[in-house]
Amino acid sequence: MDSHETNNSIEDIFDSSLNLEETHFKEGYDEGYTHGLTSGKEEGRQVGLKFGFETGEELGFYKGCVDVWNSAILVDPKRFSARVQKGIKQMDELIEKYPVTDPENESIQEIMEALRVKFRVIRAALGVKLGYDGYPKPKEIEF
């Protein structure tokens, strides 16, 4: 074996060591990526279900209030002022307009915030201590 062959065999050993490291790195990356896709989809599904449930519950609460108030108006049309009745009608329209089947619609936040504001205005005008506490929310983080 001459020195040129010795150098080639040493280079081959180092090349195979470097290739082994690269191969393991790529295999680990591919395995982690695949696992991330699987677990990420499941986590996304769980977050979507939780958010969807909470949103549906809040919309249901507002719809229930509107239905009760509308029933009271049917029984006694002068029960609430024209301003309150207008607010109730606007809440009903907002609930109907909420894109329940299109969760990526950009108007979702705007409609929900408008519902919350209308609800607070009507509640204050009626002088009732009615509130939406919602599904148990995570505790606030204190700093």
C-alpha atoms as a PDB file:
ATOM      1  CA  MET A   1       0.000   0.000   0.000  1.00  0.00           C
ATOM      2  CA  ASP A   2       1.532   3.280  -0.975  1.00  0.00           C
ATOM      3  CA  SER A   3       0.910   6.594   0.767  1.00  0.00           C
ATOM      4  CA  HIS A   4      -1.644   7.665  -1.821  1.00  0.00           C
ATOM      5  CA  GLU A   5      -3.782   4.554  -1.120  1.00  0.00           C
ATOM      6  CA  THR A   6      -3.402   5.118   2.638  1.00  0.00           C
ATOM      7  CA  ASN A   7      -4.609   8.713   2.291  1.00  0.00           C
ATOM      8  CA  ASN A   8      -7.597   7.555   0.206  1.00  0.00           C
ATOM      9  CA  SER A   9      -8.591   4.925   2.792  1.00  0.00           C
ATOM     10  CA  ILE A  10      -8.341   7.488   5.629  1.00  0.00           C
ATOM     11  CA  GLU A  11     -10.434   9.944   3.587  1.00  0.00           C
ATOM     12  CA  ASP A  12     -12.974   7.163   2.923  1.00  0.00           C
ATOM     13  CA  ILE A  13     -13.263   6.510   6.685  1.00  0.00           C
ATOM     14  CA  PHE A  14     -13.850  10.222   7.396  1.00  0.00           C
ATOM     15  CA  ASP A  15     -16.260  10.554   4.479  1.00  0.00           C
ATOM     16  CA  SER A  16     -18.320   7.619   5.687  1.00  0.00           C
ATOM     17  CA  SER A  17     -18.360   9.089   9.216  1.00  0.00           C
ATOM     18  CA  LEU A  18     -19.555  12.448   7.890  1.00  0.00           C
ATOM     19  CA  ASN A  19     -22.117  10.758   5.662  1.00  0.00           C
ATOM     20  CA  LEU A  20     -23.341   8.687   8.608  1.00  0.00           C
ATOM     21  CA  GLU A  21     -23.900  11.829  10.662  1.00  0.00           C
ATOM     22  CA  GLU A  22     -25.740  13.498   7.755  1.00  0.00           C
ATOM     23  CA  THR A  23     -27.820  10.381   7.170  1.00  0.00           C
ATOM     24  CA  HIS A  24     -28.847  10.181  10.832  1.00  0.00           C
ATOM     25  CA  PHE A  25     -29.588  13.888  10.908  1.00  0.00           C
ATOM     26  CA  LYS A  26     -31.803  13.617   7.800  1.00  0.00           C
ATOM     27  CA  GLU A  27     -33.582  10.507   9.135  1.00  0.00           C
ATOM     28  CA  GLY A  28     -34.215  12.240  12.475  1.00  0.00           C
ATOM     29  CA  TYR A  29     -35.440  15.381  10.769  1.00  0.00           C
ATOM     30  CA  ASP A  30     -37.786  13.435   8.469  1.00  0.00           C
ATOM     31  CA  GLU A  31     -39.149  11.414  11.393  1.00  0.00           C
ATOM     32  CA  GLY A  32     -39.669  14.558  13.495  1.00  0.00           C
ATOM     33  CA  TYR A  33     -41.331  16.370  10.618  1.00  0.00           C
ATOM     34  CA  THR A  34     -43.742  13.501  10.009  1.00  0.00           C
ATOM     35  CA  HIS A  35     -44.544  13.283  13.730  1.00  0.00           C
ATOM     36  CA  GLY A  36     -45.064  17.061  13.845  1.00  0.00           C
ATOM     37  CA  LEU A  37     -47.525  16.937  10.972  1.00  0.00           C
ATOM     38  CA  THR A  38     -49.549  14.217  12.669  1.00  0.00           C
ATOM     39  CA  SER A  39     -49.558  15.727  16.148  1.00  0.00           C
ATOM     40  CA  GLY A  40     -49.972  19.273  14.807  1.00  0.00           C
ATOM     41  CA  LYS A  41     -53.132  18.319  12.936  1.00  0.00           C
ATOM     42  CA  GLU A  42     -54.590  16.686  16.049  1.00  0.00           C
ATOM     43  CA  GLU A  43     -53.680  19.651  18.269  1.00  0.00           C
ATOM     44  CA  GLY A  44     -55.189  22.026  15.689  1.00  0.00           C
ATOM     45  CA  ARG A  45     -58.361  19.947  15.632  1.00  0.00           C
ATOM     46  CA  GLN A  46     -58.634  20.037  19.429  1.00  0.00           C
ATOM     47  CA  VAL A  47     -58.100  23.809  19.555  1.00  0.00           C
ATOM     48  CA  GLY A  48     -60.661  24.273  16.762  1.00  0.00           C
ATOM     49  CA  LEU A  49     -63.237  22.158  18.571  1.00  0.00           C
ATOM     50  CA  LYS A  50     -62.695  24.037  21.823  1.00  0.00           C
ATOM     51  CA  PHE A  51     -62.907  27.448  20.136  1.00  0.00           C
ATOM     52  CA  GLY A  52     -65.942  26.389  18.104  1.00  0.00           C
ATOM     53  CA  PHE A  53     -67.718  25.127  21.213  1.00  0.00           C
ATOM     54  CA  GLU A  54     -67.026  28.324  23.153  1.00  0.00           C
ATOM     55  CA  THR A  55     -68.182  30.487  20.234  1.00  0.00           C
ATOM     56  CA  GLY A  56     -71.346  28.428  19.755  1.00  0.00           C
ATOM     57  CA  GLU A  57     -72.105  28.620  23.457  1.00  0.00           C
ATOM     58  CA  GLU A  58     -71.743  32.411  23.489  1.00  0.00           C
ATOM     59  CA  LEU A  59     -73.885  32.808  20.354  1.00  0.00           C
ATOM     60  CA  GLY A  60     -76.489  30.502  21.910  1.00  0.00           C
ATOM     61  CA  PHE A  61     -76.546  32.604  25.070  1.00  0.00           C
ATOM     62  CA  TYR A  62     -77.170  35.795  23.088  1.00  0.00           C
ATOM     63  CA  LYS A  63     -79.809  34.071  20.941  1.00  0.00           C
ATOM     64  CA  GLY A  64     -81.551  32.846  24.097  1.00  0.00           C
ATOM     65  CA  CYS A  65     -81.604  36.364  25.539  1.00  0.00           C
ATOM     66  CA  VAL A  66     -82.969  37.801  22.280  1.00  0.00           C
ATOM     67  CA  ASP A  67     -85.675  35.123  22.146  1.00  0.00           C
ATOM     68  CA  VAL A  68     -86.766  35.794  25.736  1.00  0.00           C
ATOM     69  CA  TRP A  69     -86.791  39.552  25.170  1.00  0.00           C
ATOM     70  CA  ASN A  70     -88.777  39.146  21.932  1.00  0.00           C
ATOM     71  CA  SER A  71     -91.277  36.937  23.782  1.00  0.00           C
ATOM     72  CA  ALA A  72     -91.669  39.637  26.437  1.00  0.00           C
ATOM     73  CA  ILE A  73     -92.259  42.198  23.667  1.00  0.00           C
ATOM     74  CA  LEU A  74     -94.981  39.979  22.139  1.00  0.00           C
ATOM     75  CA  VAL A  75     -96.735  39.762  25.502  1.00  0.00           C
ATOM     76  CA  ASP A  76     -96.371  43.482  26.252  1.00  0.00           C
ATOM     77  CA  PRO A  77     -95.186  45.595  23.272  1.00  0.00           C
ATOM     78  CA  LYS A  78     -94.619  48.597  25.510  1.00  0.00           C
ATOM     79  CA  ARG A  79     -92.519  46.603  27.969  1.00  0.00           C
ATOM     80  CA  PHE A  80     -89.239  47.930  26.527  1.00  0.00           C
ATOM     81  CA  SER A  81     -88.403  51.323  25.080  1.00  0.00           C
ATOM     82  CA  ALA A  82     -88.081  51.778  21.321  1.00  0.00           C
ATOM     83  CA  ARG A  83     -84.308  52.111  21.788  1.00  0.00           C
ATOM     84  CA  VAL A  84     -84.068  48.764  23.616  1.00  0.00           C
ATOM     85  CA  GLN A  85     -86.325  47.083  21.057  1.00  0.00           C
ATOM     86  CA  LYS A  86     -84.104  48.416  18.265  1.00  0.00           C
ATOM     87  CA  GLY A  87     -81.030  47.041  20.058  1.00  0.00           C
ATOM     88  CA  ILE A  88     -82.688  43.622  20.452  1.00  0.00           C
ATOM     89  CA  LYS A  89     -83.552  43.597  16.736  1.00  0.00           C
ATOM     90  CA  GLN A  90     -79.957  44.538  15.867  1.00  0.00           C
ATOM     91  CA  MET A  91     -78.633  41.739  18.071  1.00  0.00           C
ATOM     92  CA  ASP A  92     -80.944  39.277  16.329  1.00  0.00           C
ATOM     93  CA  GLU A  93     -79.679  40.458  12.933  1.00  0.00           C
ATOM     94  CA  LEU A  94     -76.046  40.120  14.048  1.00  0.00           C
ATOM     95  CA  ILE A  95     -76.672  36.567  15.267  1.00  0.00           C
ATOM     96  CA  GLU A  96     -78.280  35.665  11.933  1.00  0.00           C
ATOM     97  CA  LYS A  97     -75.392  37.279  10.069  1.00  0.00           C
ATOM     98  CA  TYR A  98     -72.715  35.378  12.035  1.00  0.00           C
ATOM     99  CA  PRO A  99     -70.945  33.026   9.579  1.00  0.00           C
ATOM    100  CA  VAL A 100     -71.265  29.811  11.603  1.00  0.00           C
ATOM    101  CA  THR A 101     -70.250  27.593   8.685  1.00  0.00           C
ATOM    102  CA  ASP A 102     -67.337  29.806   7.587  1.00  0.00           C
ATOM    103  CA  PRO A 103     -64.890  29.982  10.532  1.00  0.00           C
ATOM    104  CA  GLU A 104     -62.244  31.750   8.439  1.00  0.00           C
ATOM    105  CA  ASN A 105     -64.556  34.637   7.576  1.00  0.00           C
ATOM    106  CA  GLU A 106     -62.884  37.907   8.524  1.00  0.00           C
ATOM    107  CA  SER A 107     -66.097  39.405   9.917  1.00  0.00           C
ATOM    108  CA  ILE A 108     -66.295  36.927  12.826  1.00  0.00           C
ATOM    109  CA  GLN A 109     -64.474  39.097  15.356  1.00  0.00           C
ATOM    110  CA  GLU A 110     -66.285  42.231  14.264  1.00  0.00           C
ATOM    111  CA  ILE A 111     -69.726  40.627  14.586  1.00  0.00           C
ATOM    112  CA  MET A 112     -68.945  39.036  17.964  1.00  0.00           C
ATOM    113  CA  GLU A 113     -67.628  42.307  19.361  1.00  0.00           C
ATOM    114  CA  ALA A 114     -70.730  44.141  18.085  1.00  0.00           C
ATOM    115  CA  LEU A 115     -72.930  41.509  19.784  1.00  0.00           C
ATOM    116  CA  ARG A 116     -71.082  41.968  23.073  1.00  0.00           C
ATOM    117  CA  VAL A 117     -71.448  45.750  22.909  1.00  0.00           C
ATOM    118  CA  LYS A 118     -75.176  45.556  22.053  1.00  0.00           C
ATOM    119  CA  PHE A 119     -75.709  43.080  24.877  1.00  0.00           C
ATOM    120  CA  ARG A 120     -74.017  45.388  27.407  1.00  0.00           C
ATOM    121  CA  VAL A 121     -76.061  48.380  26.197  1.00  0.00           C
ATOM    122  CA  ILE A 122     -79.372  46.488  26.433  1.00  0.00           C
ATOM    123  CA  ARG A 123     -78.447  45.012  29.810  1.00  0.00           C
ATOM    124  CA  ALA A 124     -77.611  48.479  31.148  1.00  0.00           C
ATOM    125  CA  ALA A 125     -80.814  49.981  29.708  1.00  0.00           C
ATOM    126  CA  LEU A 126     -82.881  47.231  31.356  1.00  0.00           C
ATOM    127  CA  GLY A 127     -80.978  47.592  34.620  1.00  0.00           C
ATOM    128  CA  VAL A 128     -80.385  43.850  34.927  1.00  0.00           C
ATOM    129  CA  LYS A 129     -77.301  42.063  36.192  1.00  0.00           C
ATOM    130  CA  LEU A 130     -77.348  39.469  33.449  1.00  0.00           C
ATOM    131  CA  GLY A 131     -73.970  38.367  32.165  1.00  0.00           C
ATOM    132  CA  TYR A 132     -72.323  35.780  30.009  1.00  0.00           C
ATOM    133  CA  ASP A 133     -69.752  34.024  32.153  1.00  0.00           C
ATOM    134  CA  GLY A 134     -69.027  31.478  29.478  1.00  0.00           C
ATOM    135  CA  TYR A 135     -67.416  28.131  29.545  1.00  0.00           C
ATOM    136  CA  PRO A 136     -64.711  28.023  32.221  1.00  0.00           C
ATOM    137  CA  LYS A 137     -61.853  30.022  30.812  1.00  0.00           C
ATOM    138  CA  PRO A 138     -58.184  29.483  31.616  1.00  0.00           C
ATOM    139  CA  LYS A 139     -56.972  31.498  34.567  1.00  0.00           C
ATOM    140  CA  GLU A 140     -55.349  34.779  33.744  1.00  0.00           C
ATOM    141  CA  ILE A 141     -51.581  34.766  33.818  1.00  0.00           C
ATOM    142  CA  GLU A 142     -50.274  37.098  36.466  1.00  0.00           C
ATOM    143  CA  PHE A 143     -46.924  38.793  36.111  1.00  0.00           C
END
